[in-house]
Protein backbone atom coordinates (compact mmCIF):
# COMPACT_ATOMS: atom_id res chain seq x y z
CA MET A 1 10.52 -19.51 -15.58
CA ILE A 2 10.71 -17.39 -12.24
CA ARG A 3 13.96 -15.45 -11.95
CA THR A 4 14.47 -16.37 -8.31
CA ASN A 5 18.20 -16.43 -8.51
CA VAL A 6 18.11 -12.86 -9.93
CA LEU A 7 15.75 -11.61 -7.05
CA LEU A 8 18.22 -13.05 -4.52
CA THR A 9 21.16 -11.43 -6.09
CA PHE A 10 19.27 -8.17 -5.97
CA LEU A 11 18.43 -8.56 -2.22
CA CYS A 12 21.95 -9.71 -1.48
CA VAL A 13 24.28 -7.65 -3.78
CA ILE A 14 22.52 -4.68 -5.34
CA VAL A 15 20.70 -3.30 -2.21
CA PRO A 16 23.17 -1.99 0.30
CA MET A 17 24.06 -4.74 2.63
CA LEU A 18 22.73 -4.93 6.14
CA HIS A 19 21.58 -8.06 7.93
CA VAL A 20 17.82 -7.71 8.42
CA GLY A 21 17.94 -8.98 11.91
CA THR A 22 20.56 -6.47 13.05
CA VAL A 23 19.24 -4.08 15.73
CA LEU A 24 20.40 -0.58 14.63
CA GLU A 25 21.65 2.41 16.66
CA ALA A 26 18.95 4.94 17.23
CA ALA A 27 19.66 8.42 15.96
CA GLU A 28 19.55 11.22 18.55
CA GLY A 29 16.53 13.59 18.16
CA GLN A 30 14.32 11.22 16.35
CA PRO A 31 11.16 12.98 14.93
CA ASN A 32 7.65 11.74 15.59
CA ILE A 33 6.00 10.75 12.33
CA LEU A 34 2.38 10.84 11.49
CA TRP A 35 0.64 9.30 8.49
CA ILE A 36 -2.92 10.43 7.92
CA THR A 37 -4.27 8.33 5.20
CA CYS A 38 -7.59 7.94 3.19
CA GLU A 39 -8.90 5.43 0.93
CA ASP A 40 -9.83 5.33 -2.71
CA MET A 41 -9.33 8.87 -3.54
CA SER A 42 -7.39 10.58 -6.45
CA ALA A 43 -5.97 13.99 -6.21
CA ARG A 44 -9.59 15.52 -6.31
CA LEU A 45 -8.39 18.56 -4.18
CA SER A 46 -8.00 22.33 -4.85
CA PHE A 47 -4.40 22.53 -4.44
CA TYR A 48 -4.17 19.89 -7.23
CA GLY A 49 -6.38 21.88 -9.47
CA ASP A 50 -9.75 20.51 -8.68
CA ASP A 51 -12.02 23.19 -7.18
CA THR A 52 -15.26 21.03 -7.11
CA VAL A 53 -15.41 21.08 -3.21
CA LYS A 54 -13.85 23.20 -0.51
CA THR A 55 -11.42 21.30 1.77
CA PRO A 56 -10.17 24.06 4.33
CA ARG A 57 -8.27 21.70 6.55
CA LEU A 58 -6.56 19.89 3.75
CA ASP A 59 -5.83 23.21 2.02
CA GLU A 60 -4.20 24.63 5.12
CA LEU A 61 -2.12 21.43 5.64
CA ALA A 62 -1.01 21.83 1.89
CA SER A 63 -0.03 25.52 2.56
CA GLN A 64 2.28 24.10 5.40
CA SER A 65 3.56 21.17 3.44
CA VAL A 66 5.52 20.21 0.37
CA ARG A 67 2.99 18.92 -2.17
CA TYR A 68 4.22 16.09 -4.37
CA ASN A 69 2.81 15.97 -7.99
CA HIS A 70 3.92 12.62 -9.08
CA CYS A 71 3.28 10.05 -6.28
CA TYR A 72 2.09 6.58 -7.35
CA GLY A 73 0.82 3.36 -5.85
CA THR A 74 2.18 0.14 -7.30
CA TYR A 75 -1.37 -1.19 -7.72
CA GLY A 76 -4.62 0.53 -8.09
CA VAL A 77 -6.19 -1.30 -5.20
CA CYS A 78 -5.56 -1.38 -1.51
CA ALA A 79 -4.11 -4.81 -0.37
CA PRO A 80 -1.20 -5.16 -2.79
CA ASN A 81 -0.42 -1.45 -1.99
CA ARG A 82 -0.67 -1.89 1.72
CA HIS A 83 1.85 -4.72 1.31
CA THR A 84 4.00 -2.42 -0.51
CA LEU A 85 3.85 0.18 2.00
CA ILE A 86 4.48 -2.06 5.12
CA MET A 87 7.41 -4.06 3.41
CA GLY A 88 9.11 -1.68 1.00
CA MET A 89 8.85 -4.38 -1.55
CA TYR A 90 7.00 -4.97 -4.78
CA PRO A 91 4.20 -7.35 -4.45
CA SER A 92 5.14 -9.13 -7.49
CA THR A 93 8.39 -10.37 -5.75
CA THR A 94 6.50 -11.75 -2.72
CA GLY A 95 3.28 -13.36 -3.96
CA ALA A 96 1.12 -10.36 -2.82
CA MET A 97 -0.26 -9.43 -6.17
CA ALA A 98 -3.85 -10.73 -6.38
CA MET A 99 -6.64 -8.87 -4.57
CA ARG A 100 -6.78 -10.58 -2.18
CA THR A 101 -4.63 -13.53 -1.43
CA TRP A 102 -5.59 -14.78 2.05
CA LYS A 103 -9.16 -13.65 2.26
CA ARG A 104 -12.12 -13.88 -0.03
CA THR A 105 -14.15 -11.12 -1.48
CA SER A 106 -17.05 -9.94 0.72
CA ALA A 107 -19.20 -10.52 -2.43
CA LEU A 108 -18.41 -14.27 -2.45
CA HIS A 109 -22.13 -15.23 -2.19
CA LEU A 110 -22.45 -13.82 -5.86
CA ILE A 111 -19.84 -16.18 -7.32
CA LYS A 112 -21.38 -19.44 -8.40
CA ASP A 113 -18.72 -20.76 -10.86
CA PRO A 114 -16.81 -23.77 -8.99
CA GLU A 115 -13.58 -22.95 -10.87
CA LEU A 116 -13.69 -19.26 -9.36
CA LEU A 117 -14.57 -20.66 -5.99
CA ALA A 118 -11.64 -22.96 -6.11
CA ILE A 119 -9.01 -20.24 -6.33
CA PRO A 120 -6.70 -20.90 -3.51
CA THR A 121 -6.05 -18.59 -0.44
CA TYR A 122 -2.52 -18.18 0.71
CA GLU A 123 -0.37 -15.53 2.40
CA ALA A 124 2.23 -13.46 0.59
CA THR A 125 5.62 -14.67 1.85
CA PRO A 126 8.64 -12.35 1.84
CA PRO A 127 12.18 -13.67 2.07
CA ALA A 128 13.21 -15.16 5.46
CA GLY A 129 14.28 -12.10 7.67
CA ALA A 130 12.28 -9.43 5.97
CA LYS A 131 10.15 -7.43 8.44
CA CYS A 132 7.38 -4.82 8.35
CA PHE A 133 9.30 -1.61 8.36
CA THR A 134 7.64 -0.68 11.78
CA GLU A 135 9.43 -3.40 13.32
CA TYR A 136 12.69 -1.54 12.83
CA LEU A 137 11.06 1.49 14.32
CA ARG A 138 9.98 -0.47 17.46
CA ALA A 139 13.54 -1.91 17.70
CA ASN A 140 14.85 1.55 17.74
CA GLY A 141 12.64 3.02 20.49
CA TYR A 142 9.52 4.13 18.57
CA TYR A 143 6.03 3.60 19.77
CA CYS A 144 4.01 2.34 16.72
CA SER A 145 0.24 2.70 16.48
CA ASN A 146 -2.12 1.83 13.61
CA ASN A 147 -5.73 2.99 13.60
CA SER A 148 -6.61 0.59 12.22
CA LYS A 149 -6.52 -0.89 8.73
CA THR A 150 -3.86 -3.49 7.91
CA ASP A 151 -4.72 -5.79 4.90
CA TYR A 152 -1.14 -6.61 4.19
CA GLN A 153 -1.78 -9.82 2.37
CA PHE A 154 -0.61 -11.90 5.27
CA ARG A 155 -1.98 -11.97 8.78
CA THR A 156 -0.87 -8.97 10.94
CA PRO A 157 2.21 -10.05 12.91
CA ILE A 158 1.74 -8.94 16.55
CA THR A 159 5.57 -7.63 16.21
CA ALA A 160 4.44 -4.85 13.74
CA TRP A 161 2.61 -2.61 16.05
CA ASP A 162 2.47 -1.65 19.70
CA ASP A 163 -1.15 -1.06 19.05
CA SER A 164 -3.24 -1.80 15.94
CA SER A 165 -6.91 -1.12 16.72
CA LYS A 166 -9.69 1.47 16.43
CA LYS A 167 -8.28 3.01 19.71
CA ALA A 168 -4.78 3.17 18.62
CA HIS A 169 -3.16 6.59 19.29
CA TRP A 170 0.18 8.12 20.09
CA ARG A 171 -1.67 9.40 23.24
CA ASN A 172 -1.54 5.62 24.44
CA ARG A 173 2.41 5.34 24.60
CA PRO A 174 3.68 4.58 27.94
CA ASP A 175 6.01 7.61 28.07
CA ASP A 176 5.14 10.92 26.48
CA GLN A 177 8.77 11.51 25.55
CA THR A 178 8.85 8.35 23.40
CA PRO A 179 9.09 9.08 19.71
CA PHE A 180 6.03 7.79 17.78
CA PHE A 181 5.09 6.70 14.37
CA SER A 182 1.24 6.75 14.16
CA VAL A 183 -1.15 5.88 11.41
CA PHE A 184 -4.76 7.17 11.11
CA ASN A 185 -6.71 5.70 8.09
CA PHE A 186 -10.05 7.12 7.13
CA THR A 187 -12.61 5.06 5.21
CA ILE A 188 -15.06 7.61 4.27
CA THR A 189 -13.80 8.04 0.79
CA HIS A 190 -13.92 4.35 0.25
CA GLU A 191 -15.52 2.59 -2.79
CA SER A 192 -18.26 1.30 -0.56
CA LYS A 193 -19.31 4.59 0.70
CA VAL A 194 -20.42 5.43 -3.08
CA HIS A 195 -22.97 2.56 -2.79
CA LYS A 196 -25.20 4.77 -0.81
CA GLN A 197 -25.34 8.34 0.37
CA SER A 198 -22.64 8.04 3.10
CA SER A 199 -22.06 11.84 3.86
CA PRO A 200 -24.43 14.94 3.85
CA THR A 201 -25.54 15.80 0.33
CA VAL A 202 -23.57 18.94 -0.66
CA VAL A 203 -22.45 18.62 -4.12
CA ASP A 204 -24.61 19.40 -7.17
CA PRO A 205 -24.37 16.30 -9.76
CA ALA A 206 -25.04 18.88 -12.46
CA GLY A 207 -21.72 20.61 -11.48
CA VAL A 208 -19.24 17.81 -11.44
CA GLU A 209 -16.80 17.43 -14.36
CA LEU A 210 -17.06 13.90 -15.95
CA PRO A 211 -13.85 12.36 -17.46
CA PRO A 212 -14.33 11.39 -21.09
CA TYR A 213 -14.29 7.71 -20.20
CA TYR A 214 -17.58 8.27 -18.63
CA PRO A 215 -20.97 8.49 -20.26
CA ASP A 216 -22.87 11.54 -19.11
CA THR A 217 -26.11 10.19 -17.34
CA PRO A 218 -27.77 11.30 -13.99
CA ILE A 219 -26.70 8.14 -12.16
CA ILE A 220 -23.03 8.63 -13.10
CA ARG A 221 -23.17 12.22 -12.04
CA ARG A 222 -24.80 11.37 -8.82
CA ASP A 223 -22.24 8.77 -7.90
CA LEU A 224 -19.40 11.05 -8.62
CA ALA A 225 -20.94 13.84 -6.55
CA ARG A 226 -21.36 11.33 -3.62
CA HIS A 227 -17.55 10.76 -3.85
CA TYR A 228 -16.97 14.53 -3.57
CA ASP A 229 -19.40 14.59 -0.65
CA ASN A 230 -17.33 11.98 1.17
CA ILE A 231 -14.23 14.17 0.46
CA ILE A 232 -15.73 17.05 2.31
CA ALA A 233 -16.23 14.70 5.27
CA LEU A 234 -12.80 13.50 5.10
CA ASP A 235 -11.49 16.97 5.35
CA ALA A 236 -13.02 17.51 8.74
CA GLN A 237 -11.66 14.01 9.94
CA VAL A 238 -8.11 15.00 8.96
CA GLY A 239 -8.60 18.20 10.78
CA GLU A 240 -9.49 16.43 14.00
CA VAL A 241 -6.22 14.55 14.13
CA LEU A 242 -4.22 17.68 13.34
CA ASP A 243 -5.88 19.43 16.08
CA GLN A 244 -5.18 16.68 18.51
CA LEU A 245 -1.32 17.04 17.46
CA GLU A 246 -1.54 20.80 18.27
CA GLU A 247 -3.39 20.22 21.58
CA ASP A 248 -0.65 17.84 22.66
CA GLY A 249 1.89 20.41 21.71
CA LEU A 250 3.46 17.97 19.29
CA ALA A 251 3.17 19.72 15.87
CA ASP A 252 6.59 21.11 16.25
CA ASP A 253 8.03 17.65 16.70
CA THR A 254 6.09 15.75 14.18
CA ILE A 255 6.54 15.08 10.37
CA VAL A 256 3.09 14.73 9.03
CA PHE A 257 2.34 12.62 5.72
CA PHE A 258 -1.01 12.81 4.05
CA PHE A 259 -1.91 10.44 1.18
CA SER A 260 -4.47 8.20 -0.33
CA ASP A 261 -3.97 4.35 -0.48
CA HIS A 262 -4.74 4.51 -4.46
CA GLY A 263 -6.80 6.44 -6.77
CA ASP A 264 -10.64 6.85 -6.92
CA GLY A 265 -12.68 3.91 -5.81
CA LEU A 266 -14.62 4.27 -9.10
CA PRO A 267 -14.83 2.07 -12.36
CA ARG A 268 -11.80 2.65 -14.74
CA ALA A 269 -9.82 4.03 -11.69
CA LYS A 270 -9.61 1.56 -8.84
CA ARG A 271 -7.90 -1.75 -9.87
CA TRP A 272 -6.36 -0.18 -13.07
CA VAL A 273 -2.82 0.91 -14.02
CA TYR A 274 -4.00 4.21 -15.25
CA ASP A 275 -3.18 7.30 -13.42
CA SER A 276 -6.99 7.28 -12.30
CA GLY A 277 -5.99 4.09 -10.35
CA ILE A 278 -2.55 4.68 -8.99
CA HIS A 279 -1.70 8.50 -8.92
CA VAL A 280 -2.42 9.76 -5.45
CA PRO A 281 -2.18 13.14 -3.38
CA LEU A 282 0.99 13.23 -1.25
CA LEU A 283 1.66 16.11 1.39
CA VAL A 284 4.59 16.16 3.64
CA ARG A 285 4.79 18.80 6.38
CA TYR A 286 8.12 19.37 8.32
CA PRO A 287 8.07 20.60 11.96
CA ASP A 288 10.14 23.66 11.21
CA GLY A 289 7.98 24.82 8.20
CA LYS A 290 10.73 23.84 5.71
CA LYS A 291 9.74 24.31 2.12
CA ALA A 292 6.22 25.06 3.30
CA GLY A 293 3.69 25.69 0.32
CA THR A 294 6.18 24.25 -2.18
CA THR A 295 5.90 21.62 -4.93
CA ASN A 296 7.87 18.64 -5.71
CA ASP A 297 7.94 17.01 -9.21
CA ASP A 298 10.05 13.97 -8.45
CA LEU A 299 8.65 10.52 -9.10
CA VAL A 300 7.67 8.83 -5.90
CA SER A 301 6.28 5.22 -5.49
CA PHE A 302 4.74 3.45 -2.65
CA VAL A 303 7.71 1.22 -2.45
CA ASP A 304 9.71 4.09 -1.33
CA PHE A 305 7.74 5.01 1.79
CA ALA A 306 9.17 2.49 4.15
CA PRO A 307 12.80 3.33 3.46
CA THR A 308 11.79 6.95 3.55
CA VAL A 309 10.29 6.68 6.94
CA LEU A 310 13.31 4.81 8.32
CA SER A 311 15.69 7.24 6.79
CA LEU A 312 13.72 10.24 8.56
CA ALA A 313 14.22 8.17 11.79
CA GLY A 314 18.00 7.80 11.31
CA ILE A 315 17.71 4.10 10.87
CA SER A 316 19.96 2.18 8.27
CA LEU A 317 17.80 0.55 5.60
CA PRO A 318 17.28 -3.15 5.56
CA ALA A 319 18.65 -5.16 2.67
CA HIS A 320 15.25 -6.68 1.58
CA MET A 321 13.65 -3.27 0.76
CA GLN A 322 13.38 -2.52 -2.96
CA GLY A 323 12.39 1.15 -2.87
CA THR A 324 14.46 4.27 -2.58
CA ALA A 325 14.22 6.82 0.30
CA PHE A 326 13.19 10.21 -0.90
CA LEU A 327 13.74 12.17 2.32
CA GLY A 328 16.19 12.06 5.21
CA PRO A 329 19.93 11.17 5.32
CA ALA A 330 19.56 7.89 3.43
CA ALA A 331 17.64 9.61 0.51
CA GLY A 332 18.86 8.02 -2.89
CA LYS A 333 19.04 8.91 -6.37
CA LYS A 334 15.78 10.36 -7.87
CA ARG A 335 13.49 7.89 -9.89
CA GLU A 336 13.61 7.81 -13.59
CA TYR A 337 10.45 5.43 -13.69
CA ILE A 338 7.66 4.11 -11.40
CA PHE A 339 6.25 0.74 -12.10
CA ALA A 340 2.60 -0.36 -11.74
CA PHE A 341 0.83 -3.76 -11.82
CA ARG A 342 -2.56 -5.34 -12.18
CA ASP A 343 -3.25 -9.02 -11.24
CA ARG A 344 -6.39 -11.01 -10.25
CA MET A 345 -9.13 -8.94 -8.86
CA ASP A 346 -11.55 -10.99 -6.88
CA PRO A 347 -12.50 -13.73 -9.51
CA ALA A 348 -11.17 -11.67 -12.45
CA THR A 349 -7.91 -13.24 -13.61
CA GLU A 350 -5.56 -10.60 -15.04
CA ARG A 351 -1.96 -9.75 -15.56
CA ILE A 352 -0.96 -6.19 -16.68
CA ARG A 353 2.29 -4.39 -16.04
CA ALA A 354 3.10 -0.62 -16.58
CA VAL A 355 6.06 1.86 -16.45
CA ARG A 356 5.64 5.65 -16.28
CA ASP A 357 8.07 8.47 -16.39
CA HIS A 358 7.18 12.05 -15.79
CA ARG A 359 5.32 12.15 -19.19
CA PHE A 360 4.90 8.95 -20.86
CA LYS A 361 3.24 5.52 -19.73
CA TYR A 362 3.90 2.14 -21.30
CA VAL A 363 1.27 -0.70 -20.59
CA ARG A 364 2.05 -4.28 -21.34
CA ASN A 365 -1.10 -6.62 -21.34
CA TYR A 366 -0.02 -10.23 -20.66
CA ARG A 367 -3.49 -11.37 -21.12
CA PRO A 368 -4.68 -9.66 -24.38
CA ASP A 369 -7.13 -12.45 -24.74
CA LEU A 370 -9.28 -11.02 -21.76
CA PRO A 371 -11.49 -7.81 -21.81
CA TYR A 372 -10.74 -5.01 -19.46
CA ILE A 373 -14.22 -5.43 -17.81
CA ALA A 374 -14.31 -8.97 -16.40
CA PHE A 375 -16.71 -10.29 -13.58
CA GLN A 376 -16.13 -8.44 -10.49
CA PRO A 377 -19.34 -8.78 -8.22
CA TYR A 378 -18.10 -6.34 -5.52
CA ARG A 379 -17.38 -3.58 -8.07
CA ASP A 380 -20.66 -4.30 -9.95
CA LEU A 381 -22.44 -3.44 -6.66
CA MET A 382 -21.95 0.30 -7.49
CA GLU A 383 -24.71 1.57 -9.53
CA LEU A 384 -22.31 3.62 -11.60
CA MET A 385 -20.79 0.37 -12.94
CA GLN A 386 -24.24 -1.16 -13.36
CA GLU A 387 -25.03 1.97 -15.69
CA ILE A 388 -22.04 1.36 -17.68
CA HIS A 389 -22.95 -2.21 -18.25
CA ARG A 390 -26.48 -1.10 -19.17
CA LEU A 391 -25.03 1.38 -21.76
CA ASN A 392 -22.58 -1.29 -23.07
CA ARG A 393 -25.21 -3.76 -23.70
CA GLU A 394 -27.31 -1.00 -25.46
CA GLY A 395 -24.26 -0.09 -27.78
CA THR A 396 -24.28 3.52 -26.81
CA LEU A 397 -20.92 3.92 -25.40
CA THR A 398 -18.52 6.37 -27.23
CA GLU A 399 -15.11 5.87 -28.91
CA ASP A 400 -13.38 7.45 -25.81
CA GLN A 401 -15.01 4.69 -23.69
CA TRP A 402 -13.56 1.94 -25.70
CA GLN A 403 -11.72 0.38 -22.48
CA PHE A 404 -15.30 -0.48 -21.29
CA THR A 405 -16.42 -2.12 -24.56
CA ALA A 406 -13.13 -3.92 -25.75
CA GLN A 407 -13.46 -7.66 -25.73
CA TYR A 408 -9.63 -8.02 -26.28
CA LYS A 409 -6.68 -5.94 -25.18
CA PRO A 410 -3.76 -4.66 -27.40
CA LEU A 411 -0.51 -6.30 -26.43
CA GLU A 412 0.91 -2.80 -25.68
CA GLU A 413 -0.38 0.58 -24.83
CA PHE A 414 1.48 3.88 -24.76
CA TYR A 415 0.12 7.21 -23.57
CA ASP A 416 1.30 10.83 -23.69
CA THR A 417 -0.02 11.77 -20.23
CA GLU A 418 0.79 15.47 -20.83
CA ASN A 419 -1.57 15.77 -23.72
CA ASP A 420 -3.87 12.77 -22.80
CA PRO A 421 -4.14 12.82 -19.00
CA HIS A 422 -7.03 10.29 -18.95
CA GLU A 423 -5.00 7.82 -20.99
CA ILE A 424 -7.65 7.02 -23.74
CA HIS A 425 -5.60 7.60 -27.02
CA ASN A 426 -3.30 4.67 -27.38
CA LEU A 427 -0.24 5.69 -29.38
CA ALA A 428 1.37 2.35 -29.48
CA GLY A 429 0.71 1.99 -33.30
CA ASP A 430 2.20 5.55 -34.07
CA PRO A 431 5.58 5.52 -35.57
CA LYS A 432 6.18 8.98 -34.12
CA TRP A 433 6.46 7.43 -30.65
CA PHE A 434 8.32 4.20 -31.33
CA SER A 435 11.65 5.41 -29.76
CA GLU A 436 9.96 6.71 -26.71
CA MET A 437 7.83 3.44 -26.37
CA ALA A 438 10.98 1.34 -26.89
CA ARG A 439 12.67 3.30 -23.97
CA LEU A 440 9.92 2.41 -21.52
CA ARG A 441 9.56 -1.07 -22.87
CA GLU A 442 13.16 -1.61 -22.06
CA ALA A 443 12.70 -0.18 -18.67
CA HIS A 444 9.85 -2.61 -17.97
CA GLU A 445 11.99 -5.65 -19.27
CA ARG A 446 14.99 -4.60 -17.29
CA PHE A 447 12.83 -4.39 -14.12
CA PHE A 448 11.53 -7.77 -15.03
CA ARG A 449 14.99 -9.27 -15.67
CA MET A 450 16.31 -7.80 -12.29
CA LEU A 451 13.41 -8.79 -9.94
CA GLY A 452 11.46 -11.38 -11.75
CA ASP A 453 7.71 -11.61 -11.63
CA LEU A 454 5.77 -14.11 -9.67
CA GLY A 455 2.60 -13.09 -11.79
CA GLU A 456 3.96 -15.52 -14.35
CA LEU A 457 2.89 -18.54 -12.34
CA PRO A 458 -0.76 -19.69 -12.03
CA GLU A 459 -1.81 -19.35 -8.27
CA THR A 460 -1.91 -23.06 -7.70
CA GLU A 461 1.79 -23.11 -8.79
CA LEU A 462 2.56 -19.82 -6.84
CA VAL A 463 1.50 -21.47 -3.61
CA LYS A 464 4.09 -24.08 -3.96
CA HIS A 465 6.63 -21.72 -4.86
CA LEU A 466 5.90 -19.64 -1.76
CA TRP A 467 5.65 -22.79 0.36
CA PRO A 468 7.79 -25.54 -1.22
CA PRO A 469 7.34 -28.33 -2.18
CA ASP A 470 3.58 -28.92 -1.89
CA GLY A 471 2.03 -25.54 -1.05
CA GLU A 472 1.53 -26.49 2.53
CA GLN A 473 1.91 -23.40 4.82
CA PRO A 474 4.85 -23.85 7.13
CA GLU A 475 4.59 -23.08 10.89
CA THR A 476 7.15 -20.86 12.68
CA ALA A 477 9.13 -22.84 15.19
CA VAL A 478 8.26 -22.70 18.92
CA PRO A 479 10.38 -20.01 20.59
CA VAL A 480 12.61 -21.23 23.46
CA ILE A 481 12.72 -19.18 26.72
CA ARG A 482 15.78 -19.43 28.79
CA GLN A 483 16.36 -17.97 32.32
CA GLN A 484 19.73 -16.87 33.71
CA GLY A 485 19.09 -15.30 37.08
CA ASP A 486 16.59 -12.67 36.39
CA GLU A 487 17.51 -12.37 32.78
CA VAL A 488 15.28 -13.68 29.95
CA GLN A 489 16.52 -14.90 26.68
CA VAL A 490 14.32 -15.92 23.83
CA SER A 491 15.25 -17.65 20.54
CA CYS A 492 13.63 -19.33 17.68
CA ASP A 493 15.15 -21.73 15.19
CA THR A 494 13.21 -20.55 12.08
CA GLU A 495 15.53 -18.47 9.95
CA GLY A 496 14.51 -14.65 10.06
CA ALA A 497 11.73 -15.19 12.57
CA SER A 498 10.79 -12.26 14.86
CA ILE A 499 9.74 -12.76 18.50
CA ALA A 500 7.13 -11.15 20.70
CA PHE A 501 6.86 -11.46 24.41
CA ARG A 502 4.66 -10.42 27.05
CA ARG A 503 4.59 -9.99 30.94
CA PRO A 504 1.52 -9.69 33.11
CA ASN A 505 2.08 -5.91 33.32
CA ASP A 506 2.60 -5.33 29.53
CA LYS A 507 -0.43 -3.72 27.91
CA ASN A 508 0.54 -5.14 24.49
CA TRP A 509 3.04 -7.65 23.04
CA GLN A 510 6.45 -6.33 23.30
CA LEU A 511 9.09 -6.91 20.36
CA TYR A 512 12.09 -8.90 21.55
CA VAL A 513 15.21 -7.05 20.71
CA GLU A 514 17.68 -8.17 23.49
CA PRO A 515 17.54 -10.05 26.73
CA PHE A 516 15.23 -8.46 29.42
CA THR A 517 14.70 -8.90 33.13
CA ALA A 518 11.66 -10.11 35.13
CA PRO A 519 11.21 -10.82 38.71
CA ALA A 520 10.58 -14.34 40.21
CA GLY A 521 7.21 -15.65 39.73
CA THR A 522 6.40 -13.70 36.74
CA ILE A 523 4.89 -15.59 33.78
CA VAL A 524 6.57 -14.78 30.51
CA LYS A 525 4.79 -15.41 27.18
CA ALA A 526 6.38 -15.72 23.97
CA GLN A 527 5.36 -16.12 20.24
CA ALA A 528 7.56 -16.32 17.00
CA ILE A 529 6.60 -14.99 13.64
CA ARG A 530 7.93 -15.44 10.19
CA LEU A 531 5.95 -13.43 7.65
CA GLY A 532 3.69 -15.66 5.52
CA TRP A 533 4.05 -18.68 7.82
CA LYS A 534 1.64 -19.69 10.58
CA PRO A 535 2.90 -18.02 13.97
CA SER A 536 4.12 -20.37 16.51
CA PRO A 537 2.28 -21.50 19.42
CA THR A 538 2.38 -19.30 22.38
CA VAL A 539 4.79 -20.52 25.07
CA GLU A 540 5.00 -19.70 28.82
CA HIS A 541 7.69 -19.70 31.35
CA LYS A 542 7.45 -19.06 35.08
CA MET A 543 10.39 -17.12 36.41
CA GLN A 544 12.17 -18.90 39.15
């Protein structure tokens, strides 16, 4: 049974109360905030102890920043993580768990099984009134740009960004005094860039250090070396954005974040709940050089990022957010645990949950009947994975590579990450660790009791839960435009809907916050959006 009533109690009582439609008072002196993000990269950087490649621009940024040692995604894959980031909510509470929900894998042509092809597509659907966190920034005067990936498990609402495109940049804001929140996402380290040589060949495959869960073969060494080559290219791309910030004289007014969307885009990392899949680098640079070159060992989860940005901007936190701000005036209590998840990946059904503190990780396998390695055609395009399949067929994989060979999973796994950072020695059966394992098991069950877990439902039933009663996607009500003199008022009957409007001189869709003016003869357009629902049709009104 899905604990919907418990989730509603959490949203309405446990989280500090704030009506999510409320327009908040902007704080004076709001900082600019810049996210520089990359894809599919673990902490393979010198300032995290990996000296395989030189990354001078990232090293310089690290020397100016606070380095977080314990930052984790909620998933080991991008779309659920990006949902977590934009909403400040766990995907298991909104239907955003599977990879992906409303789009098919790009390797769809390799799937022939009719049952797999029949997996439904749907949009994750947060509670009514829950918004993308950038909407709260826009409502409080921020210019928000995204260059350019979204992948939020629902179609990107036009209310989320002033500009979300490959040309999006803080330089495009209409007034250079307007505070901005800008995202630059670099794809050079993505899994797909290992499929072929995507960057100049620099790294000698013989010099890379293989984790013990990989067999030592030329193909595996070559693909890991390619990944490092791509990290070198990433370093230069990050440097270009930082140079632009300096050129514009904005470095002293901007808080800079650097992080990856999840761990390495390699087998036994991407899509997994082990640290190889969820642990990411995180740097935060303050304009005044505060704590430059220091480290922070607090536990940080992606679900904390949205409330943290709002806190830094001086904006009160909306009630729907399930994370805790770790910076700014609204910063909360330090975390004791982070929570991680794995659900369907392309056609591969799965349900795994994990809890981690600073040292130990507990893993609950809800589908022990399934192997760890199931049919995932996109992942299998990588020759590294094909090599592992070949060695598995030949029976030459070693004891430390058991997660590739196991046909069934244990119900529980427990790892001492301090002494076993690669999480290959399952201690769940060792009485020495029973009390620690019980503590983390209870943390998992307490989390489950408080928030519920939509992963309990088959996806055919999940769709009906998100869009009751029959799983048919609702459509947001058509907005109503009213004119009083030269003032325009726009409303929508759908609970919690956001409204975007546009006049002929508006470069992009504007977020409707309060009534605005327009001269006679102006054609005003409006559209309403409720996340997870179809957007309303666009309506027009000619000012009289």
